[in-house]
Amino acid sequence: SIIGRGGSKISKVQQETGTRVKVNSRERNHNDQCLVTITGPKENCEDAEKIINDIVNEGGPNERGSMDIWVQTSCLGRIIGKRRSKIKEIERTYRVEIDVKKEK
């Protein structure tokens, strides 16, 4: 994602290039690409464009998926870790989001 957690990547691009970057995720083209508007001096905009393209291309194909798996309740502590440390490590390493739901 070019936005980053809490907008961190966009903020960094803006700080490094002296530009304003606006992501309009509601406006999409036929290839499911969203509109990114970069505002500022021309040379700075070109620098921001290069950084954004590098971010987009670093992850390979941007395919999203989802799956559900069942895990024994007695094993959840080993998967979640203290203060969600294991889940955070897995999310960071594999660039995924994990949501543990308890069935009632």
PDB file of N, CA and C in Angstrom:
ATOM      1  N   SER A   1       0.833  -1.190   0.000  1.00  0.00           N
ATOM      2  CA  SER A   1       0.000   0.000   0.000  1.00  0.00           C
ATOM      3  C   SER A   1       0.870   1.243   0.000  1.00  0.00           C
ATOM      4  N   ILE A   2       0.543   2.184  -0.835  1.00  0.00           N
ATOM      5  CA  ILE A   2       1.334   3.413  -0.860  1.00  0.00           C
ATOM      6  C   ILE A   2       0.983   4.328   0.302  1.00  0.00           C
ATOM      7  N   ILE A   3      -0.143   4.072   0.953  1.00  0.00           N
ATOM      8  CA  ILE A   3      -0.565   4.942   2.051  1.00  0.00           C
ATOM      9  C   ILE A   3       0.230   4.642   3.309  1.00  0.00           C
ATOM     10  N   GLY A   4       0.391   3.352   3.635  1.00  0.00           N
ATOM     11  CA  GLY A   4       1.102   2.976   4.852  1.00  0.00           C
ATOM     12  C   GLY A   4       0.204   3.057   6.060  1.00  0.00           C
ATOM     13  N   ARG A   5       0.669   2.461   7.125  1.00  0.00           N
ATOM     14  CA  ARG A   5      -0.103   2.445   8.361  1.00  0.00           C
ATOM     15  C   ARG A   5      -0.264   3.865   8.884  1.00  0.00           C
ATOM     16  N   GLY A   6      -1.498   4.302   9.026  1.00  0.00           N
ATOM     17  CA  GLY A   6      -1.781   5.645   9.524  1.00  0.00           C
ATOM     18  C   GLY A   6      -1.305   6.752   8.595  1.00  0.00           C
ATOM     19  N   GLY A   7      -1.144   6.425   7.299  1.00  0.00           N
ATOM     20  CA  GLY A   7      -0.695   7.423   6.336  1.00  0.00           C
ATOM     21  C   GLY A   7       0.803   7.679   6.377  1.00  0.00           C
ATOM     22  N   SER A   8       1.559   6.776   7.022  1.00  0.00           N
ATOM     23  CA  SER A   8       2.988   7.002   7.243  1.00  0.00           C
ATOM     24  C   SER A   8       3.795   7.110   5.953  1.00  0.00           C
ATOM     25  N   LYS A   9       3.498   6.273   4.955  1.00  0.00           N
ATOM     26  CA  LYS A   9       4.273   6.324   3.712  1.00  0.00           C
ATOM     27  C   LYS A   9       4.001   7.604   2.933  1.00  0.00           C
ATOM     28  N   ILE A  10       2.737   7.994   2.868  1.00  0.00           N
ATOM     29  CA  ILE A  10       2.384   9.237   2.179  1.00  0.00           C
ATOM     30  C   ILE A  10       3.034  10.427   2.883  1.00  0.00           C
ATOM     31  N   SER A  11       2.992  10.442   4.206  1.00  0.00           N
ATOM     32  CA  SER A  11       3.613  11.532   4.965  1.00  0.00           C
ATOM     33  C   SER A  11       5.102  11.617   4.679  1.00  0.00           C
ATOM     34  N   LYS A  12       5.757  10.465   4.610  1.00  0.00           N
ATOM     35  CA  LYS A  12       7.191  10.436   4.339  1.00  0.00           C
ATOM     36  C   LYS A  12       7.494  10.974   2.940  1.00  0.00           C
ATOM     37  N   VAL A  13       6.699  10.566   1.955  1.00  0.00           N
ATOM     38  CA  VAL A  13       6.885  11.066   0.587  1.00  0.00           C
ATOM     39  C   VAL A  13       6.722  12.580   0.567  1.00  0.00           C
ATOM     40  N   GLN A  14       5.707  13.081   1.243  1.00  0.00           N
ATOM     41  CA  GLN A  14       5.452  14.520   1.274  1.00  0.00           C
ATOM     42  C   GLN A  14       6.613  15.268   1.929  1.00  0.00           C
ATOM     43  N   GLN A  15       7.123  14.729   3.045  1.00  0.00           N
ATOM     44  CA  GLN A  15       8.231  15.378   3.749  1.00  0.00           C
ATOM     45  C   GLN A  15       9.503  15.369   2.911  1.00  0.00           C
ATOM     46  N   GLU A  16       9.801  14.230   2.274  1.00  0.00           N
ATOM     47  CA  GLU A  16      11.034  14.096   1.501  1.00  0.00           C
ATOM     48  C   GLU A  16      11.030  14.950   0.236  1.00  0.00           C
ATOM     49  N   THR A  17       9.851  15.175  -0.337  1.00  0.00           N
ATOM     50  CA  THR A  17       9.799  15.852  -1.634  1.00  0.00           C
ATOM     51  C   THR A  17       9.209  17.259  -1.579  1.00  0.00           C
ATOM     52  N   GLY A  18       8.646  17.642  -0.455  1.00  0.00           N
ATOM     53  CA  GLY A  18       8.023  18.966  -0.368  1.00  0.00           C
ATOM     54  C   GLY A  18       6.779  19.077  -1.228  1.00  0.00           C
ATOM     55  N   THR A  19       6.065  17.977  -1.389  1.00  0.00           N
ATOM     56  CA  THR A  19       4.848  17.962  -2.194  1.00  0.00           C
ATOM     57  C   THR A  19       3.648  17.636  -1.319  1.00  0.00           C
ATOM     58  N   ARG A  20       2.492  17.739  -1.916  1.00  0.00           N
ATOM     59  CA  ARG A  20       1.239  17.307  -1.280  1.00  0.00           C
ATOM     60  C   ARG A  20       0.743  16.133  -2.099  1.00  0.00           C
ATOM     61  N   VAL A  21       0.485  14.997  -1.427  1.00  0.00           N
ATOM     62  CA  VAL A  21       0.028  13.795  -2.110  1.00  0.00           C
ATOM     63  C   VAL A  21      -1.367  13.451  -1.596  1.00  0.00           C
ATOM     64  N   LYS A  22      -2.308  13.329  -2.534  1.00  0.00           N
ATOM     65  CA  LYS A  22      -3.690  12.996  -2.173  1.00  0.00           C
ATOM     66  C   LYS A  22      -4.066  11.705  -2.894  1.00  0.00           C
ATOM     67  N   VAL A  23      -4.533  10.722  -2.139  1.00  0.00           N
ATOM     68  CA  VAL A  23      -4.975   9.452  -2.714  1.00  0.00           C
ATOM     69  C   VAL A  23      -6.492   9.431  -2.699  1.00  0.00           C
ATOM     70  N   ASN A  24      -7.091   9.297  -3.888  1.00  0.00           N
ATOM     71  CA  ASN A  24      -8.544   9.230  -4.002  1.00  0.00           C
ATOM     72  C   ASN A  24      -8.916   7.786  -4.340  1.00  0.00           C
ATOM     73  N   SER A  25      -9.117   6.989  -3.319  1.00  0.00           N
ATOM     74  CA  SER A  25      -9.393   5.565  -3.533  1.00  0.00           C
ATOM     75  C   SER A  25     -10.796   5.319  -4.093  1.00  0.00           C
ATOM     76  N   ARG A  26     -11.641   6.332  -4.083  1.00  0.00           N
ATOM     77  CA  ARG A  26     -12.999   6.167  -4.639  1.00  0.00           C
ATOM     78  C   ARG A  26     -13.020   6.320  -6.153  1.00  0.00           C
ATOM     79  N   GLU A  27     -12.062   7.056  -6.685  1.00  0.00           N
ATOM     80  CA  GLU A  27     -12.010   7.262  -8.130  1.00  0.00           C
ATOM     81  C   GLU A  27     -11.061   6.230  -8.737  1.00  0.00           C
ATOM     82  N   ARG A  28     -11.634   5.302  -9.507  1.00  0.00           N
ATOM     83  CA  ARG A  28     -10.856   4.206 -10.090  1.00  0.00           C
ATOM     84  C   ARG A  28     -11.073   4.122 -11.586  1.00  0.00           C
ATOM     85  N   ASN A  29     -10.051   3.583 -12.289  1.00  0.00           N
ATOM     86  CA  ASN A  29     -10.201   3.377 -13.726  1.00  0.00           C
ATOM     87  C   ASN A  29     -10.595   1.929 -14.008  1.00  0.00           C
ATOM     88  N   HIS A  30     -10.620   1.542 -15.263  1.00  0.00           N
ATOM     89  CA  HIS A  30     -11.053   0.191 -15.638  1.00  0.00           C
ATOM     90  C   HIS A  30     -10.076  -0.896 -15.174  1.00  0.00           C
ATOM     91  N   ASN A  31      -8.847  -0.545 -14.798  1.00  0.00           N
ATOM     92  CA  ASN A  31      -7.870  -1.510 -14.286  1.00  0.00           C
ATOM     93  C   ASN A  31      -7.851  -1.558 -12.763  1.00  0.00           C
ATOM     94  N   ASP A  32      -8.849  -0.959 -12.127  1.00  0.00           N
ATOM     95  CA  ASP A  32      -8.970  -0.900 -10.674  1.00  0.00           C
ATOM     96  C   ASP A  32      -7.802  -0.145 -10.035  1.00  0.00           C
ATOM     97  N   GLN A  33      -7.303   0.863 -10.739  1.00  0.00           N
ATOM     98  CA  GLN A  33      -6.270   1.733 -10.196  1.00  0.00           C
ATOM     99  C   GLN A  33      -6.942   2.990  -9.663  1.00  0.00           C
ATOM    100  N   CYS A  34      -6.447   3.489  -8.523  1.00  0.00           N
ATOM    101  CA  CYS A  34      -7.049   4.701  -7.971  1.00  0.00           C
ATOM    102  C   CYS A  34      -6.204   5.917  -8.337  1.00  0.00           C
ATOM    103  N   LEU A  35      -6.812   7.072  -8.233  1.00  0.00           N
ATOM    104  CA  LEU A  35      -6.184   8.325  -8.618  1.00  0.00           C
ATOM    105  C   LEU A  35      -5.315   8.850  -7.477  1.00  0.00           C
ATOM    106  N   VAL A  36      -4.047   9.160  -7.782  1.00  0.00           N
ATOM    107  CA  VAL A  36      -3.133   9.797  -6.835  1.00  0.00           C
ATOM    108  C   VAL A  36      -2.748  11.146  -7.430  1.00  0.00           C
ATOM    109  N   THR A  37      -3.003  12.217  -6.684  1.00  0.00           N
ATOM    110  CA  THR A  37      -2.694  13.565  -7.162  1.00  0.00           C
ATOM    111  C   THR A  37      -1.509  14.103  -6.372  1.00  0.00           C
ATOM    112  N   ILE A  38      -0.466  14.536  -7.096  1.00  0.00           N
ATOM    113  CA  ILE A  38       0.741  15.090  -6.484  1.00  0.00           C
ATOM    114  C   ILE A  38       0.800  16.562  -6.847  1.00  0.00           C
ATOM    115  N   THR A  39       0.929  17.426  -5.833  1.00  0.00           N
ATOM    116  CA  THR A  39       0.945  18.862  -6.055  1.00  0.00           C
ATOM    117  C   THR A  39       2.227  19.456  -5.476  1.00  0.00           C
ATOM    118  N   GLY A  40       2.849  20.357  -6.240  1.00  0.00           N
ATOM    119  CA  GLY A  40       4.067  21.024  -5.795  1.00  0.00           C
ATOM    120  C   GLY A  40       4.897  21.419  -6.988  1.00  0.00           C
ATOM    121  N   PRO A  41       6.130  21.864  -6.743  1.00  0.00           N
ATOM    122  CA  PRO A  41       7.020  22.196  -7.858  1.00  0.00           C
ATOM    123  C   PRO A  41       7.227  20.981  -8.764  1.00  0.00           C
ATOM    124  N   LYS A  42       7.327  21.226 -10.086  1.00  0.00           N
ATOM    125  CA  LYS A  42       7.373  20.137 -11.069  1.00  0.00           C
ATOM    126  C   LYS A  42       8.439  19.094 -10.740  1.00  0.00           C
ATOM    127  N   GLU A  43       9.655  19.537 -10.445  1.00  0.00           N
ATOM    128  CA  GLU A  43      10.742  18.596 -10.157  1.00  0.00           C
ATOM    129  C   GLU A  43      10.434  17.762  -8.906  1.00  0.00           C
ATOM    130  N   ASN A  44       9.874  18.405  -7.903  1.00  0.00           N
ATOM    131  CA  ASN A  44       9.505  17.693  -6.668  1.00  0.00           C
ATOM    132  C   ASN A  44       8.407  16.667  -6.944  1.00  0.00           C
ATOM    133  N   CYS A  45       7.444  17.042  -7.796  1.00  0.00           N
ATOM    134  CA  CYS A  45       6.372  16.112  -8.160  1.00  0.00           C
ATOM    135  C   CYS A  45       6.941  14.885  -8.864  1.00  0.00           C
ATOM    136  N   GLU A  46       7.927  15.100  -9.727  1.00  0.00           N
ATOM    137  CA  GLU A  46       8.559  13.978 -10.415  1.00  0.00           C
ATOM    138  C   GLU A  46       9.291  13.069  -9.427  1.00  0.00           C
ATOM    139  N   ASP A  47       9.943  13.667  -8.417  1.00  0.00           N
ATOM    140  CA  ASP A  47      10.604  12.875  -7.373  1.00  0.00           C
ATOM    141  C   ASP A  47       9.578  12.048  -6.599  1.00  0.00           C
ATOM    142  N   ALA A  48       8.457  12.674  -6.239  1.00  0.00           N
ATOM    143  CA  ALA A  48       7.399  11.978  -5.502  1.00  0.00           C
ATOM    144  C   ALA A  48       6.823  10.842  -6.342  1.00  0.00           C
ATOM    145  N   GLU A  49       6.636  11.104  -7.635  1.00  0.00           N
ATOM    146  CA  GLU A  49       6.115  10.060  -8.532  1.00  0.00           C
ATOM    147  C   GLU A  49       7.045   8.851  -8.558  1.00  0.00           C
ATOM    148  N   LYS A  50       8.348   9.097  -8.629  1.00  0.00           N
ATOM    149  CA  LYS A  50       9.316   8.000  -8.656  1.00  0.00           C
ATOM    150  C   LYS A  50       9.249   7.189  -7.359  1.00  0.00           C
ATOM    151  N   ILE A  51       9.201   7.880  -6.220  1.00  0.00           N
ATOM    152  CA  ILE A  51       9.128   7.183  -4.929  1.00  0.00           C
ATOM    153  C   ILE A  51       7.854   6.350  -4.853  1.00  0.00           C
ATOM    154  N   ILE A  52       6.724   6.918  -5.273  1.00  0.00           N
ATOM    155  CA  ILE A  52       5.449   6.195  -5.234  1.00  0.00           C
ATOM    156  C   ILE A  52       5.496   4.980  -6.151  1.00  0.00           C
ATOM    157  N   ASN A  53       6.054   5.133  -7.351  1.00  0.00           N
ATOM    158  CA  ASN A  53       6.180   3.987  -8.260  1.00  0.00           C
ATOM    159  C   ASN A  53       7.076   2.898  -7.670  1.00  0.00           C
ATOM    160  N   ASP A  54       8.145   3.299  -6.978  1.00  0.00           N
ATOM    161  CA  ASP A  54       9.013   2.319  -6.319  1.00  0.00           C
ATOM    162  C   ASP A  54       8.250   1.551  -5.245  1.00  0.00           C
ATOM    163  N   ILE A  55       7.424   2.260  -4.478  1.00  0.00           N
ATOM    164  CA  ILE A  55       6.616   1.610  -3.436  1.00  0.00           C
ATOM    165  C   ILE A  55       5.644   0.617  -4.076  1.00  0.00           C
ATOM    166  N   VAL A  56       4.979   1.046  -5.143  1.00  0.00           N
ATOM    167  CA  VAL A  56       4.001   0.194  -5.828  1.00  0.00           C
ATOM    168  C   VAL A  56       4.675  -1.064  -6.378  1.00  0.00           C
ATOM    169  N   ASN A  57       5.859  -0.911  -6.954  1.00  0.00           N
ATOM    170  CA  ASN A  57       6.528  -2.029  -7.618  1.00  0.00           C
ATOM    171  C   ASN A  57       7.307  -2.940  -6.678  1.00  0.00           C
ATOM    172  N   GLU A  58       7.551  -2.524  -5.435  1.00  0.00           N
ATOM    173  CA  GLU A  58       8.351  -3.336  -4.527  1.00  0.00           C
ATOM    174  C   GLU A  58       7.644  -4.596  -4.074  1.00  0.00           C
ATOM    175  N   GLY A  59       6.337  -4.600  -4.070  1.00  0.00           N
ATOM    176  CA  GLY A  59       5.599  -5.741  -3.542  1.00  0.00           C
ATOM    177  C   GLY A  59       5.206  -6.783  -4.560  1.00  0.00           C
ATOM    178  N   GLY A  60       5.566  -6.618  -5.817  1.00  0.00           N
ATOM    179  CA  GLY A  60       5.142  -7.563  -6.840  1.00  0.00           C
ATOM    180  C   GLY A  60       3.672  -7.368  -7.125  1.00  0.00           C
ATOM    181  N   PRO A  61       3.029  -8.381  -7.685  1.00  0.00           N
ATOM    182  CA  PRO A  61       1.607  -8.250  -7.998  1.00  0.00           C
ATOM    183  C   PRO A  61       0.795  -7.962  -6.739  1.00  0.00           C
ATOM    184  N   ASN A  62      -0.142  -7.072  -6.860  1.00  0.00           N
ATOM    185  CA  ASN A  62      -0.938  -6.669  -5.700  1.00  0.00           C
ATOM    186  C   ASN A  62      -2.248  -7.448  -5.681  1.00  0.00           C
ATOM    187  N   GLU A  63      -2.154  -8.707  -5.374  1.00  0.00           N
ATOM    188  CA  GLU A  63      -3.352  -9.529  -5.288  1.00  0.00           C
ATOM    189  C   GLU A  63      -3.688  -9.743  -3.823  1.00  0.00           C
ATOM    190  N   ARG A  64      -4.943  -9.566  -3.501  1.00  0.00           N
ATOM    191  CA  ARG A  64      -5.385  -9.770  -2.123  1.00  0.00           C
ATOM    192  C   ARG A  64      -6.191 -11.048  -2.043  1.00  0.00           C
ATOM    193  N   GLY A  65      -6.108 -11.674  -0.929  1.00  0.00           N
ATOM    194  CA  GLY A  65      -6.873 -12.876  -0.705  1.00  0.00           C
ATOM    195  C   GLY A  65      -7.320 -12.909   0.743  1.00  0.00           C
ATOM    196  N   SER A  66      -8.078 -13.913   1.057  1.00  0.00           N
ATOM    197  CA  SER A  66      -8.555 -14.073   2.422  1.00  0.00           C
ATOM    198  C   SER A  66      -8.787 -15.555   2.669  1.00  0.00           C
ATOM    199  N   MET A  67      -8.520 -15.987   3.876  1.00  0.00           N
ATOM    200  CA  MET A  67      -8.811 -17.373   4.219  1.00  0.00           C
ATOM    201  C   MET A  67      -9.128 -17.470   5.700  1.00  0.00           C
ATOM    202  N   ASP A  68      -9.910 -18.457   6.029  1.00  0.00           N
ATOM    203  CA  ASP A  68     -10.238 -18.755   7.414  1.00  0.00           C
ATOM    204  C   ASP A  68      -9.603 -20.083   7.782  1.00  0.00           C
ATOM    205  N   ILE A  69      -9.001 -20.147   8.957  1.00  0.00           N
ATOM    206  CA  ILE A  69      -8.464 -21.419   9.444  1.00  0.00           C
ATOM    207  C   ILE A  69      -8.956 -21.624  10.871  1.00  0.00           C
ATOM    208  N   TRP A  70      -9.136 -22.869  11.232  1.00  0.00           N
ATOM    209  CA  TRP A  70      -9.576 -23.215  12.575  1.00  0.00           C
ATOM    210  C   TRP A  70      -8.363 -23.663  13.380  1.00  0.00           C
ATOM    211  N   VAL A  71      -8.248 -23.135  14.602  1.00  0.00           N
ATOM    212  CA  VAL A  71      -7.117 -23.453  15.470  1.00  0.00           C
ATOM    213  C   VAL A  71      -7.665 -23.830  16.838  1.00  0.00           C
ATOM    214  N   GLN A  72      -7.053 -24.848  17.437  1.00  0.00           N
ATOM    215  CA  GLN A  72      -7.463 -25.253  18.790  1.00  0.00           C
ATOM    216  C   GLN A  72      -7.332 -24.066  19.737  1.00  0.00           C
ATOM    217  N   THR A  73      -8.346 -23.853  20.548  1.00  0.00           N
ATOM    218  CA  THR A  73      -8.339 -22.758  21.507  1.00  0.00           C
ATOM    219  C   THR A  73      -7.117 -22.819  22.418  1.00  0.00           C
ATOM    220  N   SER A  74      -6.699 -24.020  22.773  1.00  0.00           N
ATOM    221  CA  SER A  74      -5.552 -24.175  23.669  1.00  0.00           C
ATOM    222  C   SER A  74      -4.241 -23.705  23.033  1.00  0.00           C
ATOM    223  N   CYS A  75      -4.195 -23.537  21.718  1.00  0.00           N
ATOM    224  CA  CYS A  75      -2.979 -23.098  21.016  1.00  0.00           C
ATOM    225  C   CYS A  75      -2.962 -21.599  20.737  1.00  0.00           C
ATOM    226  N   LEU A  76      -4.053 -20.901  20.999  1.00  0.00           N
ATOM    227  CA  LEU A  76      -4.147 -19.490  20.646  1.00  0.00           C
ATOM    228  C   LEU A  76      -3.058 -18.632  21.288  1.00  0.00           C
ATOM    229  N   GLY A  77      -2.710 -18.924  22.529  1.00  0.00           N
ATOM    230  CA  GLY A  77      -1.670 -18.145  23.212  1.00  0.00           C
ATOM    231  C   GLY A  77      -0.353 -18.196  22.471  1.00  0.00           C
ATOM    232  N   ARG A  78       0.001 -19.361  21.928  1.00  0.00           N
ATOM    233  CA  ARG A  78       1.259 -19.502  21.186  1.00  0.00           C
ATOM    234  C   ARG A  78       1.207 -18.739  19.860  1.00  0.00           C
ATOM    235  N   ILE A  79       0.036 -18.646  19.280  1.00  0.00           N
ATOM    236  CA  ILE A  79      -0.114 -17.954  18.000  1.00  0.00           C
ATOM    237  C   ILE A  79      -0.175 -16.437  18.216  1.00  0.00           C
ATOM    238  N   ILE A  80      -0.923 -16.009  19.217  1.00  0.00           N
ATOM    239  CA  ILE A  80      -1.106 -14.583  19.464  1.00  0.00           C
ATOM    240  C   ILE A  80       0.140 -13.971  20.106  1.00  0.00           C
ATOM    241  N   GLY A  81       0.689 -14.621  21.110  1.00  0.00           N
ATOM    242  CA  GLY A  81       1.860 -14.093  21.812  1.00  0.00           C
ATOM    243  C   GLY A  81       1.483 -13.031  22.822  1.00  0.00           C
ATOM    244  N   LYS A  82       2.460 -12.703  23.658  1.00  0.00           N
ATOM    245  CA  LYS A  82       2.245 -11.691  24.685  1.00  0.00           C
ATOM    246  C   LYS A  82       2.036 -10.336  24.013  1.00  0.00           C
ATOM    247  N   ARG A  83       0.934  -9.672  24.340  1.00  0.00           N
ATOM    248  CA  ARG A  83       0.552  -8.378  23.748  1.00  0.00           C
ATOM    249  C   ARG A  83       0.519  -8.445  22.224  1.00  0.00           C
ATOM    250  N   ARG A  84       0.048  -9.575  21.696  1.00  0.00           N
ATOM    251  CA  ARG A  84      -0.092  -9.813  20.258  1.00  0.00           C
ATOM    252  C   ARG A  84       1.249  -9.800  19.519  1.00  0.00           C
ATOM    253  N   SER A  85       2.350 -10.047  20.224  1.00  0.00           N
ATOM    254  CA  SER A  85       3.678  -9.943  19.623  1.00  0.00           C
ATOM    255  C   SER A  85       3.885 -10.923  18.470  1.00  0.00           C
ATOM    256  N   LYS A  86       3.403 -12.158  18.600  1.00  0.00           N
ATOM    257  CA  LYS A  86       3.578 -13.150  17.521  1.00  0.00           C
ATOM    258  C   LYS A  86       2.769 -12.757  16.292  1.00  0.00           C
ATOM    259  N   ILE A  87       1.524 -12.343  16.518  1.00  0.00           N
ATOM    260  CA  ILE A  87       0.680 -11.936  15.390  1.00  0.00           C
ATOM    261  C   ILE A  87       1.292 -10.730  14.697  1.00  0.00           C
ATOM    262  N   LYS A  88       1.777  -9.758  15.449  1.00  0.00           N
ATOM    263  CA  LYS A  88       2.400  -8.571  14.853  1.00  0.00           C
ATOM    264  C   LYS A  88       3.621  -8.967  14.027  1.00  0.00           C
ATOM    265  N   GLU A  89       4.405  -9.912  14.531  1.00  0.00           N
ATOM    266  CA  GLU A  89       5.589 -10.376  13.800  1.00  0.00           C
ATOM    267  C   GLU A  89       5.193 -11.046  12.482  1.00  0.00           C
ATOM    268  N   ILE A  90       4.172 -11.888  12.519  1.00  0.00           N
ATOM    269  CA  ILE A  90       3.693 -12.569  11.306  1.00  0.00           C
ATOM    270  C   ILE A  90       3.153 -11.539  10.311  1.00  0.00           C
ATOM    271  N   GLU A  91       2.353 -10.586  10.801  1.00  0.00           N
ATOM    272  CA  GLU A  91       1.788  -9.557   9.924  1.00  0.00           C
ATOM    273  C   GLU A  91       2.896  -8.745   9.248  1.00  0.00           C
ATOM    274  N   ARG A  92       3.916  -8.381  10.023  1.00  0.00           N
ATOM    275  CA  ARG A  92       5.013  -7.572   9.496  1.00  0.00           C
ATOM    276  C   ARG A  92       5.856  -8.379   8.502  1.00  0.00           C
ATOM    277  N   THR A  93       6.186  -9.605   8.842  1.00  0.00           N
ATOM    278  CA  THR A  93       7.047 -10.438   8.004  1.00  0.00           C
ATOM    279  C   THR A  93       6.389 -10.792   6.682  1.00  0.00           C
ATOM    280  N   TYR A  94       5.105 -11.175   6.746  1.00  0.00           N
ATOM    281  CA  TYR A  94       4.421 -11.670   5.544  1.00  0.00           C
ATOM    282  C   TYR A  94       3.473 -10.652   4.927  1.00  0.00           C
ATOM    283  N   ARG A  95       3.434  -9.440   5.483  1.00  0.00           N
ATOM    284  CA  ARG A  95       2.596  -8.361   4.951  1.00  0.00           C
ATOM    285  C   ARG A  95       1.138  -8.795   4.807  1.00  0.00           C
ATOM    286  N   VAL A  96       0.597  -9.299   5.921  1.00  0.00           N
ATOM    287  CA  VAL A  96      -0.786  -9.747   5.966  1.00  0.00           C
ATOM    288  C   VAL A  96      -1.472  -9.130   7.182  1.00  0.00           C
ATOM    289  N   GLU A  97      -2.777  -9.263   7.229  1.00  0.00           N
ATOM    290  CA  GLU A  97      -3.543  -8.864   8.398  1.00  0.00           C
ATOM    291  C   GLU A  97      -4.164 -10.116   8.993  1.00  0.00           C
ATOM    292  N   ILE A  98      -4.085 -10.255  10.303  1.00  0.00           N
ATOM    293  CA  ILE A  98      -4.649 -11.420  10.977  1.00  0.00           C
ATOM    294  C   ILE A  98      -5.691 -10.941  11.975  1.00  0.00           C
ATOM    295  N   ASP A  99      -6.852 -11.560  11.911  1.00  0.00           N
ATOM    296  CA  ASP A  99      -7.946 -11.227  12.814  1.00  0.00           C
ATOM    297  C   ASP A  99      -8.375 -12.507  13.505  1.00  0.00           C
ATOM    298  N   VAL A 100      -8.191 -12.580  14.822  1.00  0.00           N
ATOM    299  CA  VAL A 100      -8.594 -13.768  15.557  1.00  0.00           C
ATOM    300  C   VAL A 100      -9.984 -13.529  16.124  1.00  0.00           C
ATOM    301  N   LYS A 101     -10.918 -14.369  15.686  1.00  0.00           N
ATOM    302  CA  LYS A 101     -12.307 -14.248  16.133  1.00  0.00           C
ATOM    303  C   LYS A 101     -12.645 -15.442  17.011  1.00  0.00           C
ATOM    304  N   LYS A 102     -13.376 -15.171  18.060  1.00  0.00           N
ATOM    305  CA  LYS A 102     -13.836 -16.244  18.929  1.00  0.00           C
ATOM    306  C   LYS A 102     -15.289 -16.538  18.607  1.00  0.00           C
ATOM    307  N   GLU A 103     -15.548 -17.777  18.246  1.00  0.00           N
ATOM    308  CA  GLU A 103     -16.926 -18.199  17.994  1.00  0.00           C
ATOM    309  C   GLU A 103     -17.634 -18.359  19.329  1.00  0.00           C
ATOM    310  N   LYS A 104     -18.875 -17.974  19.389  1.00  0.00           N
ATOM    311  CA  LYS A 104     -19.644 -18.106  20.621  1.00  0.00           C
ATOM    312  C   LYS A 104     -20.459 -19.361  20.594  1.00  0.00           C
TER     313      LYS A 104
END
